[in-house]
Amino acid sequence: MQLIEFLAPHFQFVSDPTAWVALLTLVVLEIVLGIDNLIFISILTNKLPEAQRARARRLGISAALIMRLVLLATISIIVQLTTPVFTALGHGFSWRDLILIAGGLFLVWKATKEIHHTVDPDDHKDSMMGETLQISLAGAIFQILLLDLVFSIDSIITAVGMTDEIAIMYIAVIVAVSVMMLAAGPLADFIAKNPSIVMLALGFLLMIGMTLIADGMGYHVPKGYIYAAMGFSALVEGLNMLARRRKKAKSGDRH
């Protein structure tokens, strides 16, 4: 009874239609924002031995969920991260800005290293994970959490701007991460089976990294532009894959 009495004030929104609209919108937004993270997780875990990949995805995403819930519990502190701490080049930099810039640089470095390795596979020194981390489950999970921290802070600040109901934020995060958990395996398998998709995904990560840096520097790039470009590129690559399959099928018929 005491637990029900404690939770009751947090779920008064169930009788408010506008709150349900906010919940649905926030769930969709969290899922869309999670696409960036999901692409990174898929590429990263595919660097592990095949027997460890599914476990790495489950552990990484589960730990990411716990981290997001903990961050929501400290939402009053997260909101204060938008307060400028110093000014440079005419822009007031907050802790959020610095975290976005650091996360963007991390993504750009990772994507560039992996693109170099993909183009020159004989140069193992410059692989995305390095010789040691390629076989390290802990290393993969650490990097998943490191990048998820960047995306989590940004998405939580976005959520605060949409609703004041903490329960809605918790539900949206849990639903979005659950969708990520379900989609991680199929996406990783699809990327592994289609090598050309890897380069496209790395291009996405490079673009997302530059967007994070620009956002941290005070130049906001609308997310719609980013996802429209990603969608168009994915459509073109899908047509290329279809053309290659038909060409291969015709070649098989001739033989």
C-alpha atoms as a PDB file:
ATOM      1  CA  MET A   1       0.000   0.000   0.000  1.00  0.00           C
ATOM      2  CA  GLN A   2       2.810   2.407   0.853  1.00  0.00           C
ATOM      3  CA  LEU A   3       4.430   1.715  -2.528  1.00  0.00           C
ATOM      4  CA  ILE A   4       1.142   2.451  -4.336  1.00  0.00           C
ATOM      5  CA  GLU A   5       0.716   5.665  -2.365  1.00  0.00           C
ATOM      6  CA  PHE A   6       4.300   6.662  -3.271  1.00  0.00           C
ATOM      7  CA  LEU A   7       3.840   5.951  -7.001  1.00  0.00           C
ATOM      8  CA  ALA A   8       0.302   7.325  -7.373  1.00  0.00           C
ATOM      9  CA  PRO A   9       1.319  11.023  -7.744  1.00  0.00           C
ATOM     10  CA  HIS A  10       3.741  10.088 -10.538  1.00  0.00           C
ATOM     11  CA  PHE A  11       1.046   8.386 -12.618  1.00  0.00           C
ATOM     12  CA  GLN A  12      -1.672  11.019 -12.498  1.00  0.00           C
ATOM     13  CA  PHE A  13      -0.897  11.718 -16.162  1.00  0.00           C
ATOM     14  CA  VAL A  14      -2.827   8.565 -17.239  1.00  0.00           C
ATOM     15  CA  SER A  15      -6.067  10.581 -17.255  1.00  0.00           C
ATOM     16  CA  ASP A  16      -4.554  13.396 -19.327  1.00  0.00           C
ATOM     17  CA  PRO A  17      -4.764  12.895 -23.142  1.00  0.00           C
ATOM     18  CA  THR A  18      -1.997  15.438 -23.786  1.00  0.00           C
ATOM     19  CA  ALA A  19       0.320  13.439 -21.541  1.00  0.00           C
ATOM     20  CA  TRP A  20      -0.284  10.319 -23.689  1.00  0.00           C
ATOM     21  CA  VAL A  21       0.575  12.332 -26.799  1.00  0.00           C
ATOM     22  CA  ALA A  22       3.759  13.499 -25.089  1.00  0.00           C
ATOM     23  CA  LEU A  23       4.598   9.904 -24.128  1.00  0.00           C
ATOM     24  CA  LEU A  24       4.086   8.603 -27.675  1.00  0.00           C
ATOM     25  CA  THR A  25       6.104  11.469 -29.148  1.00  0.00           C
ATOM     26  CA  LEU A  26       8.909  10.955 -26.664  1.00  0.00           C
ATOM     27  CA  VAL A  27       9.023   7.185 -27.279  1.00  0.00           C
ATOM     28  CA  VAL A  28       9.327   7.769 -31.039  1.00  0.00           C
ATOM     29  CA  LEU A  29      11.969  10.441 -30.465  1.00  0.00           C
ATOM     30  CA  GLU A  30      14.003   8.193 -28.163  1.00  0.00           C
ATOM     31  CA  ILE A  31      13.845   5.336 -30.683  1.00  0.00           C
ATOM     32  CA  VAL A  32      14.948   7.621 -33.531  1.00  0.00           C
ATOM     33  CA  LEU A  33      17.789   9.056 -31.450  1.00  0.00           C
ATOM     34  CA  GLY A  34      18.759   5.486 -30.539  1.00  0.00           C
ATOM     35  CA  ILE A  35      19.407   4.604 -34.206  1.00  0.00           C
ATOM     36  CA  ASP A  36      22.788   6.342 -34.035  1.00  0.00           C
ATOM     37  CA  ASN A  37      23.781   4.352 -30.984  1.00  0.00           C
ATOM     38  CA  LEU A  38      22.443   1.107 -32.457  1.00  0.00           C
ATOM     39  CA  ILE A  39      24.578   1.450 -35.605  1.00  0.00           C
ATOM     40  CA  PHE A  40      27.668   1.964 -33.446  1.00  0.00           C
ATOM     41  CA  ILE A  41      26.807  -1.040 -31.252  1.00  0.00           C
ATOM     42  CA  SER A  42      26.262  -3.257 -34.313  1.00  0.00           C
ATOM     43  CA  ILE A  43      29.597  -2.359 -35.901  1.00  0.00           C
ATOM     44  CA  LEU A  44      31.451  -2.604 -32.589  1.00  0.00           C
ATOM     45  CA  THR A  45      30.095  -6.002 -31.542  1.00  0.00           C
ATOM     46  CA  ASN A  46      30.745  -7.444 -35.007  1.00  0.00           C
ATOM     47  CA  LYS A  47      34.449  -6.987 -34.191  1.00  0.00           C
ATOM     48  CA  LEU A  48      34.152  -9.591 -31.437  1.00  0.00           C
ATOM     49  CA  PRO A  49      34.315 -13.373 -31.922  1.00  0.00           C
ATOM     50  CA  GLU A  50      30.927 -14.592 -33.174  1.00  0.00           C
ATOM     51  CA  ALA A  51      30.171 -16.501 -29.962  1.00  0.00           C
ATOM     52  CA  GLN A  52      30.455 -13.287 -27.901  1.00  0.00           C
ATOM     53  CA  ARG A  53      28.513 -10.885 -30.116  1.00  0.00           C
ATOM     54  CA  ALA A  54      24.972 -11.527 -28.858  1.00  0.00           C
ATOM     55  CA  ARG A  55      26.140 -11.478 -25.241  1.00  0.00           C
ATOM     56  CA  ALA A  56      28.016  -8.207 -25.781  1.00  0.00           C
ATOM     57  CA  ARG A  57      24.923  -6.584 -27.285  1.00  0.00           C
ATOM     58  CA  ARG A  58      22.702  -7.761 -24.416  1.00  0.00           C
ATOM     59  CA  LEU A  59      25.141  -6.698 -21.701  1.00  0.00           C
ATOM     60  CA  GLY A  60      25.974  -3.387 -23.378  1.00  0.00           C
ATOM     61  CA  ILE A  61      22.369  -2.358 -23.976  1.00  0.00           C
ATOM     62  CA  SER A  62      21.245  -3.580 -20.524  1.00  0.00           C
ATOM     63  CA  ALA A  63      24.014  -1.594 -18.849  1.00  0.00           C
ATOM     64  CA  ALA A  64      23.083   1.389 -21.017  1.00  0.00           C
ATOM     65  CA  LEU A  65      19.467   1.124 -19.797  1.00  0.00           C
ATOM     66  CA  ILE A  66      20.595   1.091 -16.160  1.00  0.00           C
ATOM     67  CA  MET A  67      22.817   4.111 -16.814  1.00  0.00           C
ATOM     68  CA  ARG A  68      19.965   6.047 -18.422  1.00  0.00           C
ATOM     69  CA  LEU A  69      17.646   5.287 -15.517  1.00  0.00           C
ATOM     70  CA  VAL A  70      20.312   6.453 -13.066  1.00  0.00           C
ATOM     71  CA  LEU A  71      20.800   9.639 -15.101  1.00  0.00           C
ATOM     72  CA  LEU A  72      17.038  10.254 -14.994  1.00  0.00           C
ATOM     73  CA  ALA A  73      17.188   9.947 -11.210  1.00  0.00           C
ATOM     74  CA  THR A  74      19.695  12.820 -11.228  1.00  0.00           C
ATOM     75  CA  ILE A  75      17.718  14.868 -13.738  1.00  0.00           C
ATOM     76  CA  SER A  76      18.039  18.060 -11.705  1.00  0.00           C
ATOM     77  CA  ILE A  77      21.805  17.837 -12.143  1.00  0.00           C
ATOM     78  CA  ILE A  78      21.532  16.920 -15.848  1.00  0.00           C
ATOM     79  CA  VAL A  79      19.416  20.016 -16.551  1.00  0.00           C
ATOM     80  CA  GLN A  80      22.093  22.226 -14.993  1.00  0.00           C
ATOM     81  CA  LEU A  81      24.621  20.909 -17.519  1.00  0.00           C
ATOM     82  CA  THR A  82      23.203  23.417 -20.012  1.00  0.00           C
ATOM     83  CA  THR A  83      24.473  26.358 -17.939  1.00  0.00           C
ATOM     84  CA  PRO A  84      27.563  27.960 -19.579  1.00  0.00           C
ATOM     85  CA  VAL A  85      30.774  27.459 -17.598  1.00  0.00           C
ATOM     86  CA  PHE A  86      33.071  29.542 -19.823  1.00  0.00           C
ATOM     87  CA  THR A  87      32.980  31.575 -23.020  1.00  0.00           C
ATOM     88  CA  ALA A  88      35.232  31.131 -26.043  1.00  0.00           C
ATOM     89  CA  LEU A  89      34.948  32.266 -29.669  1.00  0.00           C
ATOM     90  CA  GLY A  90      31.782  34.142 -28.771  1.00  0.00           C
ATOM     91  CA  HIS A  91      29.999  31.010 -27.545  1.00  0.00           C
ATOM     92  CA  GLY A  92      29.185  30.087 -23.949  1.00  0.00           C
ATOM     93  CA  PHE A  93      30.238  26.463 -23.475  1.00  0.00           C
ATOM     94  CA  SER A  94      28.286  24.311 -21.009  1.00  0.00           C
ATOM     95  CA  TRP A  95      29.176  20.843 -19.718  1.00  0.00           C
ATOM     96  CA  ARG A  96      26.624  19.469 -22.186  1.00  0.00           C
ATOM     97  CA  ASP A  97      28.477  21.169 -25.045  1.00  0.00           C
ATOM     98  CA  LEU A  98      31.809  19.760 -23.896  1.00  0.00           C
ATOM     99  CA  ILE A  99      30.343  16.251 -23.580  1.00  0.00           C
ATOM    100  CA  LEU A 100      28.839  16.489 -27.086  1.00  0.00           C
ATOM    101  CA  ILE A 101      32.149  17.698 -28.548  1.00  0.00           C
ATOM    102  CA  ALA A 102      34.080  14.910 -26.809  1.00  0.00           C
ATOM    103  CA  GLY A 103      31.547  12.317 -27.982  1.00  0.00           C
ATOM    104  CA  GLY A 104      31.649  13.700 -31.514  1.00  0.00           C
ATOM    105  CA  LEU A 105      35.445  13.559 -31.634  1.00  0.00           C
ATOM    106  CA  PHE A 106      35.308   9.993 -30.307  1.00  0.00           C
ATOM    107  CA  LEU A 107      32.868   8.978 -33.058  1.00  0.00           C
ATOM    108  CA  VAL A 108      34.844  10.731 -35.805  1.00  0.00           C
ATOM    109  CA  TRP A 109      38.063   9.049 -34.645  1.00  0.00           C
ATOM    110  CA  LYS A 110      36.449   5.611 -34.440  1.00  0.00           C
ATOM    111  CA  ALA A 111      34.717   5.882 -37.804  1.00  0.00           C
ATOM    112  CA  THR A 112      37.844   7.230 -39.521  1.00  0.00           C
ATOM    113  CA  LYS A 113      40.005   4.440 -38.092  1.00  0.00           C
ATOM    114  CA  GLU A 114      37.547   1.776 -39.182  1.00  0.00           C
ATOM    115  CA  ILE A 115      37.139   3.271 -42.666  1.00  0.00           C
ATOM    116  CA  HIS A 116      40.933   3.197 -43.003  1.00  0.00           C
ATOM    117  CA  HIS A 117      40.988  -0.426 -41.865  1.00  0.00           C
ATOM    118  CA  THR A 118      38.184  -1.340 -44.279  1.00  0.00           C
ATOM    119  CA  VAL A 119      40.023   0.257 -47.201  1.00  0.00           C
ATOM    120  CA  ASP A 120      43.388  -1.205 -46.129  1.00  0.00           C
ATOM    121  CA  PRO A 121      42.569  -4.458 -44.260  1.00  0.00           C
ATOM    122  CA  ASP A 122      46.245  -5.445 -44.077  1.00  0.00           C
ATOM    123  CA  ASP A 123      46.982  -2.558 -41.717  1.00  0.00           C
ATOM    124  CA  HIS A 124      45.780  -4.215 -38.483  1.00  0.00           C
ATOM    125  CA  LYS A 125      47.371  -1.543 -36.319  1.00  0.00           C
ATOM    126  CA  ASP A 126      44.690   0.946 -37.280  1.00  0.00           C
ATOM    127  CA  SER A 127      41.644  -1.249 -36.752  1.00  0.00           C
ATOM    128  CA  MET A 128      38.694   0.196 -34.875  1.00  0.00           C
ATOM    129  CA  MET A 129      39.273  -1.784 -31.707  1.00  0.00           C
ATOM    130  CA  GLY A 130      42.984  -2.490 -31.966  1.00  0.00           C
ATOM    131  CA  GLU A 131      44.462  -5.956 -31.656  1.00  0.00           C
ATOM    132  CA  THR A 132      43.702  -6.274 -27.916  1.00  0.00           C
ATOM    133  CA  LEU A 133      40.186  -4.810 -27.833  1.00  0.00           C
ATOM    134  CA  GLN A 134      39.061  -6.811 -30.867  1.00  0.00           C
ATOM    135  CA  ILE A 135      38.742  -9.855 -28.634  1.00  0.00           C
ATOM    136  CA  SER A 136      37.760  -8.026 -25.429  1.00  0.00           C
ATOM    137  CA  LEU A 137      34.117  -8.273 -24.378  1.00  0.00           C
ATOM    138  CA  ALA A 138      34.713  -5.789 -21.549  1.00  0.00           C
ATOM    139  CA  GLY A 139      36.332  -3.341 -23.967  1.00  0.00           C
ATOM    140  CA  ALA A 140      33.325  -3.460 -26.290  1.00  0.00           C
ATOM    141  CA  ILE A 141      30.851  -2.914 -23.439  1.00  0.00           C
ATOM    142  CA  PHE A 142      32.943  -0.025 -22.072  1.00  0.00           C
ATOM    143  CA  GLN A 143      32.876   1.733 -25.434  1.00  0.00           C
ATOM    144  CA  ILE A 144      29.131   1.141 -25.812  1.00  0.00           C
ATOM    145  CA  LEU A 145      28.574   2.780 -22.411  1.00  0.00           C
ATOM    146  CA  LEU A 146      30.980   5.612 -23.194  1.00  0.00           C
ATOM    147  CA  LEU A 147      29.092   6.640 -26.309  1.00  0.00           C
ATOM    148  CA  ASP A 148      25.682   5.943 -24.772  1.00  0.00           C
ATOM    149  CA  LEU A 149      26.537   8.440 -22.031  1.00  0.00           C
ATOM    150  CA  VAL A 150      26.798  11.160 -24.682  1.00  0.00           C
ATOM    151  CA  PHE A 151      23.524  10.218 -26.383  1.00  0.00           C
ATOM    152  CA  SER A 152      21.761   9.719 -23.030  1.00  0.00           C
ATOM    153  CA  ILE A 153      22.536  13.191 -21.716  1.00  0.00           C
ATOM    154  CA  ASP A 154      21.396  14.779 -24.981  1.00  0.00           C
ATOM    155  CA  SER A 155      18.168  12.749 -25.133  1.00  0.00           C
ATOM    156  CA  ILE A 156      17.326  13.418 -21.472  1.00  0.00           C
ATOM    157  CA  ILE A 157      17.762  17.163 -21.942  1.00  0.00           C
ATOM    158  CA  THR A 158      15.499  16.895 -25.007  1.00  0.00           C
ATOM    159  CA  ALA A 159      12.934  14.953 -22.950  1.00  0.00           C
ATOM    160  CA  VAL A 160      12.906  17.636 -20.246  1.00  0.00           C
ATOM    161  CA  GLY A 161      11.929  20.156 -22.905  1.00  0.00           C
ATOM    162  CA  MET A 162       8.924  18.044 -23.897  1.00  0.00           C
ATOM    163  CA  THR A 163       7.395  17.025 -20.568  1.00  0.00           C
ATOM    164  CA  ASP A 164       7.660  17.618 -16.837  1.00  0.00           C
ATOM    165  CA  GLU A 165       6.400  14.128 -15.935  1.00  0.00           C
ATOM    166  CA  ILE A 166       9.325  11.999 -14.758  1.00  0.00           C
ATOM    167  CA  ALA A 167       7.233   8.812 -15.135  1.00  0.00           C
ATOM    168  CA  ILE A 168       6.746   9.552 -18.854  1.00  0.00           C
ATOM    169  CA  MET A 169      10.503   9.927 -19.261  1.00  0.00           C
ATOM    170  CA  TYR A 170      11.164   6.597 -17.521  1.00  0.00           C
ATOM    171  CA  ILE A 171       8.564   4.764 -19.640  1.00  0.00           C
ATOM    172  CA  ALA A 172       9.891   6.300 -22.867  1.00  0.00           C
ATOM    173  CA  VAL A 173      13.485   5.304 -22.059  1.00  0.00           C
ATOM    174  CA  ILE A 174      12.524   1.732 -21.095  1.00  0.00           C
ATOM    175  CA  VAL A 175      10.432   1.254 -24.273  1.00  0.00           C
ATOM    176  CA  ALA A 176      13.117   2.769 -26.531  1.00  0.00           C
ATOM    177  CA  VAL A 177      15.926   0.665 -25.063  1.00  0.00           C
ATOM    178  CA  SER A 178      13.727  -2.457 -25.294  1.00  0.00           C
ATOM    179  CA  VAL A 179      13.260  -1.762 -29.006  1.00  0.00           C
ATOM    180  CA  MET A 180      17.031  -1.328 -29.316  1.00  0.00           C
ATOM    181  CA  MET A 181      17.525  -4.708 -27.639  1.00  0.00           C
ATOM    182  CA  LEU A 182      15.192  -6.399 -30.123  1.00  0.00           C
ATOM    183  CA  ALA A 183      16.637  -4.641 -33.172  1.00  0.00           C
ATOM    184  CA  ALA A 184      20.346  -4.948 -32.285  1.00  0.00           C
ATOM    185  CA  GLY A 185      20.712  -8.593 -33.339  1.00  0.00           C
ATOM    186  CA  PRO A 186      18.982  -8.372 -36.749  1.00  0.00           C
ATOM    187  CA  LEU A 187      20.774  -5.117 -37.578  1.00  0.00           C
ATOM    188  CA  ALA A 188      24.189  -6.517 -36.634  1.00  0.00           C
ATOM    189  CA  ASP A 189      23.529  -9.675 -38.684  1.00  0.00           C
ATOM    190  CA  PHE A 190      22.403  -7.599 -41.668  1.00  0.00           C
ATOM    191  CA  ILE A 191      25.548  -5.445 -41.494  1.00  0.00           C
ATOM    192  CA  ALA A 192      27.754  -8.547 -41.156  1.00  0.00           C
ATOM    193  CA  LYS A 193      26.151 -10.225 -44.204  1.00  0.00           C
ATOM    194  CA  ASN A 194      26.352  -7.108 -46.383  1.00  0.00           C
ATOM    195  CA  PRO A 195      29.904  -5.668 -46.345  1.00  0.00           C
ATOM    196  CA  SER A 196      28.902  -2.632 -48.431  1.00  0.00           C
ATOM    197  CA  ILE A 197      26.510  -1.608 -45.638  1.00  0.00           C
ATOM    198  CA  VAL A 198      29.479  -1.341 -43.253  1.00  0.00           C
ATOM    199  CA  MET A 199      30.990   1.562 -45.187  1.00  0.00           C
ATOM    200  CA  LEU A 200      27.595   3.272 -45.375  1.00  0.00           C
ATOM    201  CA  ALA A 201      27.085   2.830 -41.609  1.00  0.00           C
ATOM    202  CA  LEU A 202      30.572   4.210 -40.929  1.00  0.00           C
ATOM    203  CA  GLY A 203      29.708   7.206 -43.088  1.00  0.00           C
ATOM    204  CA  PHE A 204      26.612   7.713 -40.918  1.00  0.00           C
ATOM    205  CA  LEU A 205      28.727   7.586 -37.751  1.00  0.00           C
ATOM    206  CA  LEU A 206      31.170  10.104 -39.230  1.00  0.00           C
ATOM    207  CA  MET A 207      28.295  12.445 -40.076  1.00  0.00           C
ATOM    208  CA  ILE A 208      26.723  12.009 -36.635  1.00  0.00           C
ATOM    209  CA  GLY A 209      30.087  12.725 -34.980  1.00  0.00           C
ATOM    210  CA  MET A 210      30.485  15.969 -36.935  1.00  0.00           C
ATOM    211  CA  THR A 211      26.908  16.908 -36.039  1.00  0.00           C
ATOM    212  CA  LEU A 212      27.626  16.399 -32.325  1.00  0.00           C
ATOM    213  CA  ILE A 213      30.736  18.587 -32.587  1.00  0.00           C
ATOM    214  CA  ALA A 214      28.797  21.300 -34.440  1.00  0.00           C
ATOM    215  CA  ASP A 215      26.008  21.169 -31.828  1.00  0.00           C
ATOM    216  CA  GLY A 216      28.543  21.486 -29.025  1.00  0.00           C
ATOM    217  CA  MET A 217      30.072  24.506 -30.779  1.00  0.00           C
ATOM    218  CA  GLY A 218      26.674  26.201 -30.927  1.00  0.00           C
ATOM    219  CA  TYR A 219      25.723  25.348 -34.524  1.00  0.00           C
ATOM    220  CA  HIS A 220      22.543  23.303 -34.315  1.00  0.00           C
ATOM    221  CA  VAL A 221      21.866  21.013 -37.286  1.00  0.00           C
ATOM    222  CA  PRO A 222      18.198  19.904 -37.460  1.00  0.00           C
ATOM    223  CA  LYS A 223      17.937  16.150 -36.903  1.00  0.00           C
ATOM    224  CA  GLY A 224      15.483  15.892 -39.777  1.00  0.00           C
ATOM    225  CA  TYR A 225      18.219  16.788 -42.265  1.00  0.00           C
ATOM    226  CA  ILE A 226      20.525  14.138 -40.838  1.00  0.00           C
ATOM    227  CA  TYR A 227      17.970  11.339 -40.912  1.00  0.00           C
ATOM    228  CA  ALA A 228      16.702  12.378 -44.360  1.00  0.00           C
ATOM    229  CA  ALA A 229      20.270  12.082 -45.701  1.00  0.00           C
ATOM    230  CA  MET A 230      20.690   8.722 -43.965  1.00  0.00           C
ATOM    231  CA  GLY A 231      17.391   7.472 -45.347  1.00  0.00           C
ATOM    232  CA  PHE A 232      18.229   8.570 -48.903  1.00  0.00           C
ATOM    233  CA  SER A 233      21.673   6.942 -48.721  1.00  0.00           C
ATOM    234  CA  ALA A 234      20.158   3.727 -47.364  1.00  0.00           C
ATOM    235  CA  LEU A 235      17.589   3.724 -50.204  1.00  0.00           C
ATOM    236  CA  VAL A 236      20.320   4.135 -52.841  1.00  0.00           C
ATOM    237  CA  GLU A 237      22.379   1.343 -51.271  1.00  0.00           C
ATOM    238  CA  GLY A 238      19.266  -0.855 -51.137  1.00  0.00           C
ATOM    239  CA  LEU A 239      18.790  -0.362 -54.888  1.00  0.00           C
ATOM    240  CA  ASN A 240      22.467  -1.200 -55.446  1.00  0.00           C
ATOM    241  CA  MET A 241      22.091  -4.407 -53.413  1.00  0.00           C
ATOM    242  CA  LEU A 242      18.990  -5.364 -55.406  1.00  0.00           C
ATOM    243  CA  ALA A 243      20.830  -4.721 -58.688  1.00  0.00           C
ATOM    244  CA  ARG A 244      23.791  -6.841 -57.560  1.00  0.00           C
ATOM    245  CA  ARG A 245      21.512  -9.733 -56.558  1.00  0.00           C
ATOM    246  CA  ARG A 246      19.685  -9.681 -59.895  1.00  0.00           C
ATOM    247  CA  LYS A 247      22.983  -9.538 -61.769  1.00  0.00           C
ATOM    248  CA  LYS A 248      24.287 -12.479 -59.738  1.00  0.00           C
ATOM    249  CA  ALA A 249      21.070 -14.452 -60.338  1.00  0.00           C
ATOM    250  CA  LYS A 250      21.310 -13.863 -64.091  1.00  0.00           C
ATOM    251  CA  SER A 251      24.957 -14.956 -64.108  1.00  0.00           C
ATOM    252  CA  GLY A 252      23.977 -18.158 -62.251  1.00  0.00           C
ATOM    253  CA  ASP A 253      21.234 -18.903 -64.794  1.00  0.00           C
ATOM    254  CA  ARG A 254      23.674 -18.616 -67.669  1.00  0.00           C
ATOM    255  CA  HIS A 255      26.027 -21.152 -66.088  1.00  0.00           C
END
